[in-house]
Amino acid sequence: MDGESDLCFRSAADLARAIEARELTAVEVMEAHLARIARVNPTLNAIVTLLPDAARRGAEAADAALARGEPVGPLHGLPVAHKDLTPTRGIRTTFGSPIFRDFVPPDDALIVERLRAAGAITIGKTNTPEFGAGSQTFNAVFGATRNPYDPTKTCGGSSGGAAAALAAGMVPLADGSDLGGSLRNPAGFCNVVGFRPSPGRVPIWPSQAAWFPMGVQGPMARSVADAALMLSVIAGPDPRAPLSLPEPGAAFRPPLDRDLGGTAVAWSRNLGGLPVDPRVAAVVETGRAVLERLGCRVEDAEPNLTGAAEVFQVWRAWYFELCYGALLDEHRHEMKDTVVWNIEEGRRLTGPRLGEAMRAWTALLDRVRRFLERYEYLALPVTQVPPFDVEQPYPTEIDGVSMTTYLDWMRSCSDISVLGLPSIAVPCGFTGDGLPVGLQIVGRQHDDLGVLQMAHAFEQAAGAGRRRPTLGELAG
C-alpha cells in the first residue's frame, strides 16, 4: 500500500491510539483521508458535502490540545462522516430531497454532539436516498452512490454513502440509521460492519416520533471492534430521548473476546420461506462452518415471523405520513414516487388496522422471545440479493418470485427490525464475480454486547472483511 492508503485503511482504534501517543498527528491523518476522498469520491459519490477547511482546522486544534497536555476523548482527531439524514449545525443537510437542497440546521443531532465530544472531527456528509426511503442510495440532489467493489452496482442503502466511504478508505468511522435495514443492508453490500443497536441504546434527538421504537441510529465501521468503539461514545441515556436505555456507553468499549464454545445458534437460511438469490445463499452457507469452528452449536431453526411484513408496512406507513405528510401537501412534485406512495399508504390507515397491527406485533415479539430462550443468537443472510445494477431502483424479483413494492426485497432486514433486537451485518464472503455478501447476527433483547462479541469472533475467523476494493483507482 502507498502511505495514503496505509493510513486510510488502518483501524479507527489504532489511529486514535497513534494520535494520542503522538506517533501520528491529526493533521497527517486528516490530510491522508482528504487525499483519498479526492482520488475515489468522484467515482463513488459517497461524500456529498465535503468540509476540507473546517476538517483541517479541527485537526490542527486536536494536535494543539495534545501539545498542551489536555485530556482527550477516545476518538480524538479521527475524521468522521455523518449521514445526510442527520442534522449538523451549520452544515448543509438535505435529507436527499430537493425540498431541502440548501437547508442548514441550527442544531446538531445528539449522535453528532457525542461524536464531537469524543474528539471526532466532521469531514463531511454521506449520501442517502430521499428521506432514507429504500435500500438503494440515489436522489435527485446528488445522484447515485456506487459500490467500491464494482461501481456498476449499488452500494445499498439508506446509509449507502457511509458504507461506500468506509469500504473505500475515505473515513474510519461513519454514523447511520436503520428503520428497515439501512445500517445492515449497505454494510452487507460493501463488506463493512453495520450495527443496528437495541432501540434506545443510541438516543435519538431531534425526533418527530420520540416513542417510536423501530427507527434507530448506530455505528458503521470496517471492523466490529471499531463499531464497538464508536458505540461506546454514542450510547448512553439522555433526557431528550425517552426511549433511552440506562447503561453507559463505556460498557461496549473493546476488547470483545469471548469463548463461544457450546453457544446455541439458530441457523436460518431464509426466515421460513423468503426467496434468496442462490449466489447469496451459497456464500452465507459458508458462515455456518465458521460458527461451528468457533465451537457454537448450530441448528437449523426458523423463528415464526408470521405477520412481521404487515407490521412493518403498517407502522412504516404511519411513520412516513407523520414525518412527511405535510411536505407532500406542498411539494408533491418534488418527491419521488415511492415516498409519495408510502405517505399515501399512511393516510389510508384506519384505527382498526393500526390496532390489529399492534396485536400482531405484540404476539410476534412474544413468539420470538420464546424462540430465543432456546438459542442465544439467530444467524441469517443480511440481504436476499447481491448488489444489483446502480441504475435499477430496486429488485422486482428474487429467484423467480415477484416483488410487489419497493420494500419487499428487504425483508431479511425489515422483518428483523420489528423485533426490536440488536442485529449486525458482518462480512461473510464474496460471490463468484467478487460482490460482497454479509451475515446477519441477531441477539436477545438488549444484549448488544453479546451481538458484538459474536460478530467479532465470526469476523476474525471468517476473514472476509480484510479484502479491500481492488478495482482501478480504488486499489489500496
Protein backbone atom coordinates (compact mmCIF):
# COMPACT_ATOMS: atom_id res chain seq x y z
CA MET A 1 0.00 0.00 0.00
CA ASP A 2 1.06 3.59 -0.50
CA GLY A 3 1.30 5.91 2.50
CA GLU A 4 -2.13 7.40 1.96
CA SER A 5 -3.84 4.02 1.69
CA ASP A 6 -1.90 2.61 4.62
CA LEU A 7 -3.25 5.33 6.89
CA CYS A 8 -6.74 5.24 5.41
CA PHE A 9 -7.21 1.51 5.96
CA ARG A 10 -5.83 1.39 9.49
CA SER A 11 -8.39 0.77 12.18
CA ALA A 12 -10.05 3.66 13.97
CA ALA A 13 -8.76 2.32 17.28
CA ASP A 14 -5.18 2.19 16.00
CA LEU A 15 -5.37 5.68 14.51
CA ALA A 16 -6.78 7.12 17.74
CA ARG A 17 -4.06 5.41 19.79
CA ALA A 18 -1.31 6.66 17.45
CA ILE A 19 -2.62 10.23 17.52
CA GLU A 20 -2.86 10.27 21.32
CA ALA A 21 0.66 8.80 21.59
CA ARG A 22 1.82 11.48 19.13
CA GLU A 23 3.16 8.85 16.73
CA LEU A 24 0.90 10.47 14.14
CA THR A 25 -0.60 13.92 14.04
CA ALA A 26 -4.29 14.50 13.50
CA VAL A 27 -3.29 16.73 10.58
CA GLU A 28 -1.44 13.83 8.91
CA VAL A 29 -4.44 11.57 9.35
CA MET A 30 -6.85 14.19 8.06
CA GLU A 31 -4.72 15.04 5.02
CA ALA A 32 -4.45 11.37 4.09
CA HIS A 33 -8.22 10.96 4.21
CA LEU A 34 -8.84 14.16 2.25
CA ALA A 35 -6.42 12.93 -0.40
CA ARG A 36 -8.20 9.59 -0.51
CA ILE A 37 -11.55 11.32 -0.93
CA ALA A 38 -10.13 13.40 -3.79
CA ARG A 39 -9.00 10.19 -5.51
CA VAL A 40 -12.01 7.92 -5.15
CA ASN A 41 -15.08 10.00 -4.34
CA PRO A 42 -15.51 11.32 -7.91
CA THR A 43 -16.12 7.69 -8.94
CA LEU A 44 -18.24 6.62 -5.97
CA ASN A 45 -20.14 9.78 -4.94
CA ALA A 46 -20.27 8.68 -1.31
CA ILE A 47 -19.49 12.00 0.40
CA VAL A 48 -21.82 14.69 -0.92
CA THR A 49 -20.88 17.66 1.27
CA LEU A 50 -17.16 17.89 1.99
CA LEU A 51 -15.67 20.27 4.57
CA PRO A 52 -11.90 20.28 3.95
CA ASP A 53 -11.13 23.66 5.51
CA ALA A 54 -13.14 23.02 8.67
CA ALA A 55 -11.71 19.49 8.92
CA ARG A 56 -8.14 20.80 8.67
CA ARG A 57 -8.84 23.41 11.34
CA GLY A 58 -10.28 20.71 13.56
CA ALA A 59 -7.21 18.53 13.08
CA GLU A 60 -4.89 21.44 13.91
CA ALA A 61 -6.91 22.12 17.06
CA ALA A 62 -6.73 18.43 18.00
CA ASP A 63 -2.93 18.44 17.73
CA ALA A 64 -2.71 21.68 19.69
CA ALA A 65 -4.79 20.18 22.51
CA LEU A 66 -2.41 17.23 22.75
CA ALA A 67 0.59 19.56 22.75
CA ARG A 68 -0.91 21.38 25.72
CA GLY A 69 -1.36 18.09 27.55
CA GLU A 70 -5.15 18.33 27.66
CA PRO A 71 -7.19 15.17 28.29
CA VAL A 72 -8.74 13.83 25.09
CA GLY A 73 -11.62 11.60 24.10
CA PRO A 74 -11.44 8.09 22.64
CA LEU A 75 -11.96 9.34 19.06
CA HIS A 76 -9.62 12.32 19.33
CA GLY A 77 -8.51 13.54 15.92
CA LEU A 78 -10.40 10.95 13.86
CA PRO A 79 -12.27 12.01 10.70
CA VAL A 80 -15.94 11.02 10.78
CA ALA A 81 -18.78 11.46 8.28
CA HIS A 82 -22.44 11.94 9.11
CA LYS A 83 -25.38 10.63 7.12
CA ASP A 84 -27.22 13.35 5.21
CA LEU A 85 -30.39 12.49 7.16
CA THR A 86 -28.63 13.56 10.37
CA PRO A 87 -28.85 17.26 11.32
CA THR A 88 -25.48 19.01 11.59
CA ARG A 89 -25.34 22.57 12.92
CA GLY A 90 -24.12 24.99 10.28
CA ILE A 91 -23.60 22.21 7.71
CA ARG A 92 -25.95 21.59 4.80
CA THR A 93 -28.30 18.67 5.46
CA THR A 94 -30.54 17.83 2.50
CA PHE A 95 -32.22 14.55 3.56
CA GLY A 96 -31.60 13.61 -0.07
CA SER A 97 -34.52 15.82 -1.10
CA PRO A 98 -34.72 18.79 -3.48
CA ILE A 99 -37.04 20.37 -0.92
CA PHE A 100 -34.06 20.72 1.45
CA ARG A 101 -31.35 21.24 -1.15
CA ASP A 102 -29.95 24.27 0.71
CA PHE A 103 -31.14 23.55 4.26
CA VAL A 104 -28.68 24.30 7.08
CA PRO A 105 -29.86 23.06 10.51
CA PRO A 106 -29.49 25.25 13.61
CA ASP A 107 -28.55 22.30 15.86
CA ASP A 108 -26.52 19.11 15.83
CA ALA A 109 -28.25 15.80 16.32
CA LEU A 110 -27.42 14.11 19.61
CA ILE A 111 -25.27 11.48 17.86
CA VAL A 112 -23.20 14.27 16.28
CA GLU A 113 -22.83 16.02 19.64
CA ARG A 114 -21.47 12.85 21.19
CA LEU A 115 -19.04 12.08 18.38
CA ARG A 116 -17.62 15.59 18.57
CA ALA A 117 -17.41 15.42 22.36
CA ALA A 118 -15.33 12.24 21.96
CA GLY A 119 -12.89 14.15 19.75
CA ALA A 120 -14.05 13.11 16.29
CA ILE A 121 -13.81 15.72 13.52
CA THR A 122 -16.57 16.11 10.94
CA ILE A 123 -15.18 15.70 7.43
CA GLY A 124 -18.50 15.72 5.55
CA LYS A 125 -21.94 14.27 4.92
CA THR A 126 -22.68 10.91 3.26
CA ASN A 127 -25.25 10.26 0.57
CA THR A 128 -28.67 8.74 1.25
CA PRO A 129 -31.86 8.12 -0.72
CA GLU A 130 -34.60 10.71 -0.38
CA PHE A 131 -35.72 10.71 3.26
CA GLY A 132 -33.91 7.39 3.62
CA ALA A 133 -36.62 5.63 1.62
CA GLY A 134 -35.31 2.41 0.10
CA SER A 135 -32.12 0.39 0.29
CA GLN A 136 -30.64 1.90 -2.86
CA THR A 137 -28.76 5.19 -2.47
CA PHE A 138 -29.74 7.69 -5.15
CA ASN A 139 -31.56 11.00 -5.12
CA ALA A 140 -32.37 13.99 -7.32
CA VAL A 141 -29.92 16.26 -5.46
CA PHE A 142 -26.67 14.32 -5.71
CA GLY A 143 -27.34 11.28 -7.88
CA ALA A 144 -26.35 7.70 -7.08
CA THR A 145 -23.60 6.30 -4.87
CA ARG A 146 -21.69 3.39 -6.35
CA ASN A 147 -20.28 0.23 -4.85
CA PRO A 148 -16.49 0.27 -4.29
CA TYR A 149 -16.23 -3.41 -5.26
CA ASP A 150 -17.98 -2.78 -8.58
CA PRO A 151 -19.03 0.80 -9.44
CA THR A 152 -21.68 -0.50 -11.86
CA LYS A 153 -23.53 -1.84 -8.80
CA THR A 154 -25.39 -0.16 -5.94
CA CYS A 155 -23.87 0.28 -2.50
CA GLY A 156 -27.26 -0.40 -0.91
CA GLY A 157 -28.91 1.99 1.49
CA SER A 158 -30.10 4.03 3.05
CA SER A 159 -26.74 4.52 4.80
CA GLY A 160 -25.13 3.76 1.45
CA GLY A 161 -22.80 6.72 1.28
CA ALA A 162 -21.45 5.79 4.71
CA ALA A 163 -20.81 2.17 3.74
CA ALA A 164 -19.13 3.08 0.45
CA ALA A 165 -16.95 5.72 2.11
CA LEU A 166 -15.79 3.22 4.73
CA ALA A 167 -15.09 0.45 2.24
CA ALA A 168 -13.06 2.80 0.03
CA GLY A 169 -10.96 4.20 2.90
CA MET A 170 -12.45 7.70 2.90
CA VAL A 171 -13.27 7.64 6.63
CA PRO A 172 -12.52 5.25 9.50
CA LEU A 173 -15.97 5.68 11.10
CA ALA A 174 -19.42 6.83 9.97
CA ASP A 175 -22.85 7.07 11.53
CA GLY A 176 -26.02 5.67 10.04
CA SER A 177 -29.66 5.00 10.79
CA ASP A 178 -31.91 1.97 10.31
CA LEU A 179 -35.67 1.62 10.01
CA GLY A 180 -35.94 -1.32 7.61
CA GLY A 181 -32.30 -2.29 7.20
CA SER A 182 -30.40 0.91 6.47
CA LEU A 183 -27.39 0.13 8.68
CA ARG A 184 -27.22 -3.56 7.74
CA ASN A 185 -28.08 -3.66 4.02
CA PRO A 186 -25.33 -1.29 2.81
CA ALA A 187 -22.80 -2.87 5.16
CA GLY A 188 -23.58 -6.24 3.61
CA PHE A 189 -23.30 -4.82 0.11
CA CYS A 190 -19.98 -3.06 0.82
CA ASN A 191 -18.13 -5.60 3.01
CA VAL A 192 -18.16 -3.46 6.15
CA VAL A 193 -19.89 -3.65 9.53
CA GLY A 194 -23.24 -2.05 10.30
CA PHE A 195 -24.70 -2.45 13.79
CA ARG A 196 -28.40 -1.92 14.50
CA PRO A 197 -28.45 -1.47 18.28
CA SER A 198 -31.40 -2.01 20.56
CA PRO A 199 -33.96 0.82 20.38
CA GLY A 200 -32.86 3.45 22.89
CA ARG A 201 -29.26 2.25 23.03
CA VAL A 202 -28.25 5.28 20.96
CA PRO A 203 -30.72 8.02 21.93
CA ILE A 204 -32.26 9.89 19.03
CA TRP A 205 -32.76 13.65 19.14
CA PRO A 206 -34.31 15.52 17.43
CA SER A 207 -37.18 13.20 16.55
CA GLN A 208 -40.73 13.64 15.34
CA ALA A 209 -41.76 10.33 16.94
CA ALA A 210 -39.86 10.10 20.22
CA TRP A 211 -41.64 6.91 21.38
CA PHE A 212 -41.39 5.04 18.05
CA PRO A 213 -39.02 2.08 18.60
CA MET A 214 -38.47 0.86 15.04
CA GLY A 215 -36.04 3.51 13.81
CA VAL A 216 -32.56 3.54 15.36
CA GLN A 217 -29.18 5.18 14.84
CA GLY A 218 -25.90 3.33 15.11
CA PRO A 219 -22.26 2.88 14.14
CA MET A 220 -20.66 1.74 10.90
CA ALA A 221 -17.00 0.77 10.55
CA ARG A 222 -14.65 -1.63 8.79
CA SER A 223 -14.43 -3.89 11.85
CA VAL A 224 -16.64 -4.93 14.72
CA ALA A 225 -14.12 -3.60 17.24
CA ASP A 226 -14.24 -0.16 15.63
CA ALA A 227 -18.05 -0.25 15.59
CA ALA A 228 -17.98 -1.09 19.30
CA LEU A 229 -15.53 1.75 19.94
CA MET A 230 -17.89 4.16 18.21
CA LEU A 231 -20.90 2.73 20.06
CA SER A 232 -19.11 3.35 23.34
CA VAL A 233 -19.26 7.10 22.76
CA ILE A 234 -22.74 7.40 21.19
CA ALA A 235 -24.62 5.07 23.58
CA GLY A 236 -25.99 6.02 27.00
CA PRO A 237 -29.08 7.79 28.31
CA ASP A 238 -30.16 11.33 27.52
CA PRO A 239 -33.20 13.15 28.95
CA ARG A 240 -34.20 14.41 25.50
CA ALA A 241 -34.86 10.84 24.31
CA PRO A 242 -37.49 8.98 26.35
CA LEU A 243 -36.58 5.54 24.93
CA SER A 244 -33.01 5.86 26.28
CA LEU A 245 -31.53 2.75 27.88
CA PRO A 246 -29.64 3.37 31.14
CA GLU A 247 -26.31 1.57 30.56
CA PRO A 248 -23.36 3.89 29.92
CA GLY A 249 -21.64 3.68 26.57
CA ALA A 250 -18.35 2.63 28.14
CA ALA A 251 -19.84 -0.84 28.67
CA PHE A 252 -19.32 -1.52 24.96
CA ARG A 253 -15.68 -0.50 24.68
CA PRO A 254 -13.45 -3.30 23.31
CA PRO A 255 -11.93 -5.85 23.86
CA LEU A 256 -14.72 -8.15 22.69
CA ASP A 257 -13.05 -11.54 23.15
CA ARG A 258 -15.27 -14.33 24.42
CA ASP A 259 -15.25 -18.13 24.47
CA LEU A 260 -18.24 -19.19 22.36
CA GLY A 261 -17.93 -22.90 22.99
CA GLY A 262 -21.38 -24.51 23.25
CA THR A 263 -23.25 -21.32 22.34
CA ALA A 264 -26.60 -22.16 20.72
CA VAL A 265 -27.17 -20.51 17.33
CA ALA A 266 -30.31 -20.83 15.22
CA TRP A 267 -29.31 -21.07 11.55
CA SER A 268 -31.92 -19.57 9.24
CA ARG A 269 -31.44 -19.80 5.50
CA ASN A 270 -34.50 -17.76 4.52
CA LEU A 271 -36.54 -16.75 7.61
CA GLY A 272 -39.00 -19.50 6.92
CA GLY A 273 -39.61 -19.01 3.21
CA LEU A 274 -38.26 -15.73 1.84
CA PRO A 275 -36.78 -16.01 -1.66
CA VAL A 276 -32.97 -15.78 -1.59
CA ASP A 277 -30.71 -15.45 -4.61
CA PRO A 278 -28.68 -18.69 -4.91
CA ARG A 279 -25.43 -16.69 -5.10
CA VAL A 280 -26.16 -15.17 -1.68
CA ALA A 281 -27.29 -18.48 -0.21
CA ALA A 282 -24.08 -20.20 -1.27
CA VAL A 283 -21.84 -17.60 0.36
CA VAL A 284 -23.87 -17.36 3.56
CA GLU A 285 -23.79 -21.13 3.94
CA THR A 286 -20.01 -20.94 4.37
CA GLY A 287 -20.66 -18.91 7.50
CA ARG A 288 -22.14 -21.93 9.24
CA ALA A 289 -18.82 -23.75 9.20
CA VAL A 290 -17.15 -20.65 10.64
CA LEU A 291 -19.56 -20.63 13.58
CA GLU A 292 -19.00 -24.34 14.13
CA ARG A 293 -15.23 -23.83 14.16
CA LEU A 294 -15.80 -21.29 16.93
CA GLY A 295 -17.42 -24.06 18.97
CA CYS A 296 -21.01 -22.94 18.52
CA ARG A 297 -23.84 -25.45 18.50
CA VAL A 298 -25.55 -24.50 15.23
CA GLU A 299 -29.02 -25.88 14.46
CA ASP A 300 -31.40 -25.35 11.57
CA ALA A 301 -34.24 -23.34 13.10
CA GLU A 302 -36.64 -20.73 11.75
CA PRO A 303 -38.48 -18.33 14.06
CA ASN A 304 -42.19 -17.90 13.40
CA LEU A 305 -42.36 -14.38 11.98
CA THR A 306 -45.95 -14.55 10.81
CA GLY A 307 -47.27 -11.03 10.37
CA ALA A 308 -43.85 -9.32 10.50
CA ALA A 309 -44.12 -7.91 6.98
CA GLU A 310 -47.59 -6.48 7.62
CA VAL A 311 -46.48 -4.98 10.93
CA PHE A 312 -43.51 -3.34 9.25
CA GLN A 313 -45.50 -1.99 6.31
CA VAL A 314 -48.26 -0.57 8.53
CA TRP A 315 -46.03 1.19 11.03
CA ARG A 316 -43.60 2.40 8.39
CA ALA A 317 -46.53 3.96 6.51
CA TRP A 318 -47.77 5.55 9.73
CA TYR A 319 -44.29 6.95 10.36
CA PHE A 320 -43.86 8.30 6.83
CA GLU A 321 -47.20 10.13 6.99
CA LEU A 322 -46.33 11.55 10.39
CA CYS A 323 -42.92 12.81 9.26
CA TYR A 324 -43.55 13.82 5.65
CA GLY A 325 -47.30 14.20 5.18
CA ALA A 326 -47.24 17.98 5.44
CA LEU A 327 -44.41 18.11 2.90
CA LEU A 328 -46.46 16.05 0.46
CA ASP A 329 -49.26 18.62 0.56
CA GLU A 330 -46.89 21.39 -0.56
CA HIS A 331 -44.14 19.63 -2.51
CA ARG A 332 -45.63 16.54 -4.16
CA HIS A 333 -43.96 17.38 -7.48
CA GLU A 334 -40.52 17.34 -5.79
CA MET A 335 -40.89 13.92 -4.10
CA LYS A 336 -40.05 10.54 -5.62
CA ASP A 337 -42.91 8.18 -6.32
CA THR A 338 -42.03 5.61 -3.66
CA VAL A 339 -42.00 8.28 -0.94
CA VAL A 340 -45.37 9.59 -2.14
CA TRP A 341 -46.75 6.03 -2.14
CA ASN A 342 -45.52 5.38 1.41
CA ILE A 343 -47.08 8.59 2.73
CA GLU A 344 -50.37 7.88 1.00
CA GLU A 345 -50.37 4.36 2.43
CA GLY A 346 -50.12 6.02 5.84
CA ARG A 347 -53.13 8.19 5.06
CA ARG A 348 -55.19 5.12 4.18
CA LEU A 349 -54.62 3.54 7.59
CA THR A 350 -57.57 3.20 9.94
CA GLY A 351 -57.76 2.84 13.69
CA PRO A 352 -58.79 -0.82 13.49
CA ARG A 353 -55.91 -1.63 11.14
CA LEU A 354 -53.41 0.00 13.47
CA GLY A 355 -54.94 -1.91 16.37
CA GLU A 356 -54.65 -5.21 14.52
CA ALA A 357 -51.05 -4.44 13.60
CA MET A 358 -50.24 -3.73 17.25
CA ARG A 359 -51.83 -7.00 18.35
CA ALA A 360 -49.86 -8.89 15.71
CA TRP A 361 -46.68 -7.07 16.74
CA THR A 362 -47.15 -7.98 20.39
CA ALA A 363 -47.77 -11.64 19.59
CA LEU A 364 -44.76 -11.71 17.29
CA LEU A 365 -42.46 -10.34 19.98
CA ASP A 366 -43.64 -12.98 22.44
CA ARG A 367 -43.09 -15.83 19.95
CA VAL A 368 -39.56 -14.68 19.17
CA ARG A 369 -38.75 -14.19 22.86
CA ARG A 370 -39.68 -17.82 23.44
CA PHE A 371 -37.64 -18.91 20.41
CA LEU A 372 -34.57 -17.13 21.77
CA GLU A 373 -34.91 -18.88 25.11
CA ARG A 374 -33.56 -21.92 23.20
CA TYR A 375 -30.97 -20.05 21.14
CA GLU A 376 -28.69 -17.19 22.12
CA TYR A 377 -28.38 -15.99 18.53
CA LEU A 378 -30.15 -16.12 15.21
CA ALA A 379 -27.94 -16.11 12.09
CA LEU A 380 -29.28 -15.40 8.59
CA PRO A 381 -28.45 -13.54 5.36
CA VAL A 382 -28.25 -9.77 5.58
CA THR A 383 -29.78 -9.39 2.13
CA GLN A 384 -31.70 -11.66 -0.21
CA VAL A 385 -29.80 -10.47 -3.30
CA PRO A 386 -26.22 -9.42 -4.06
CA PRO A 387 -25.50 -5.81 -5.08
CA PHE A 388 -27.51 -5.05 -8.23
CA ASP A 389 -27.27 -2.56 -11.10
CA VAL A 390 -26.89 1.00 -9.82
CA GLU A 391 -29.44 2.15 -12.43
CA GLN A 392 -32.13 -0.17 -11.04
CA PRO A 393 -34.23 1.50 -8.30
CA TYR A 394 -34.97 -1.82 -6.55
CA PRO A 395 -35.21 -5.54 -7.38
CA THR A 396 -38.56 -6.56 -8.83
CA GLU A 397 -37.98 -10.31 -8.46
CA ILE A 398 -35.80 -12.67 -6.43
CA ASP A 399 -35.15 -16.23 -7.57
CA GLY A 400 -38.28 -16.13 -9.75
CA VAL A 401 -40.54 -14.55 -7.11
CA SER A 402 -42.02 -11.14 -7.99
CA MET A 403 -41.74 -8.25 -5.54
CA THR A 404 -44.91 -6.17 -5.12
CA THR A 405 -43.46 -2.98 -3.59
CA TYR A 406 -40.09 -1.26 -3.28
CA LEU A 407 -39.82 -2.66 0.25
CA ASP A 408 -40.43 -6.37 -0.35
CA TRP A 409 -36.88 -7.31 -1.34
CA MET A 410 -35.54 -6.08 2.02
CA ARG A 411 -37.49 -8.44 4.27
CA SER A 412 -34.41 -10.29 5.55
CA CYS A 413 -33.68 -6.98 7.31
CA SER A 414 -37.11 -5.39 7.77
CA ASP A 415 -38.69 -8.47 9.35
CA ILE A 416 -35.88 -8.31 11.93
CA SER A 417 -36.40 -4.57 12.50
CA VAL A 418 -39.83 -5.10 14.02
CA LEU A 419 -38.39 -7.44 16.67
CA GLY A 420 -36.53 -4.63 18.46
CA LEU A 421 -33.48 -6.86 18.88
CA PRO A 422 -29.82 -5.90 18.36
CA SER A 423 -28.56 -7.12 14.99
CA ILE A 424 -25.41 -6.69 12.99
CA ALA A 425 -24.18 -7.15 9.44
CA VAL A 426 -20.66 -8.60 9.27
CA PRO A 427 -18.66 -9.57 6.16
CA CYS A 428 -19.13 -13.24 5.24
CA GLY A 429 -17.63 -13.67 1.76
CA PHE A 430 -17.94 -12.87 -1.93
CA THR A 431 -19.88 -14.17 -4.90
CA GLY A 432 -18.02 -15.67 -7.83
CA ASP A 433 -17.95 -12.27 -9.53
CA GLY A 434 -16.50 -10.52 -6.48
CA LEU A 435 -19.58 -8.97 -4.88
CA PRO A 436 -19.73 -8.80 -1.06
CA VAL A 437 -22.22 -10.85 0.96
CA GLY A 438 -22.86 -10.33 4.66
CA LEU A 439 -24.04 -12.50 7.54
CA GLN A 440 -26.65 -11.04 9.90
CA ILE A 441 -26.43 -11.93 13.58
CA VAL A 442 -29.39 -11.21 15.87
CA GLY A 443 -29.23 -11.36 19.65
CA ARG A 444 -31.57 -11.43 22.61
CA GLN A 445 -33.32 -8.35 23.92
CA HIS A 446 -30.82 -5.64 24.94
CA ASP A 447 -27.83 -7.98 24.52
CA ASP A 448 -25.94 -5.55 22.32
CA LEU A 449 -22.61 -6.57 23.83
CA GLY A 450 -23.27 -10.24 23.14
CA VAL A 451 -24.02 -9.49 19.48
CA LEU A 452 -20.79 -7.51 19.16
CA GLN A 453 -18.83 -10.36 20.78
CA MET A 454 -20.26 -12.99 18.44
CA ALA A 455 -19.77 -10.78 15.39
CA HIS A 456 -16.18 -10.02 16.41
CA ALA A 457 -15.38 -13.71 16.73
CA PHE A 458 -17.04 -14.50 13.40
CA GLU A 459 -15.23 -11.65 11.66
CA GLN A 460 -11.84 -12.80 12.93
CA ALA A 461 -12.45 -16.40 11.90
CA ALA A 462 -14.04 -15.68 8.50
CA GLY A 463 -11.55 -13.03 7.39
CA ALA A 464 -13.72 -11.68 4.56
CA GLY A 465 -13.60 -8.15 5.96
CA ARG A 466 -9.89 -7.91 5.20
CA ARG A 467 -10.50 -7.95 1.45
CA ARG A 468 -10.36 -4.39 0.10
CA PRO A 469 -11.63 -2.97 -3.19
CA THR A 470 -9.09 -3.59 -5.92
CA LEU A 471 -10.78 -2.04 -8.92
CA GLY A 472 -8.74 0.52 -10.87
CA GLU A 473 -8.09 3.72 -8.95
CA LEU A 474 -9.84 2.26 -5.90
CA ALA A 475 -6.95 -0.12 -5.28
CA GLY A 476 -5.35 0.34 -1.90
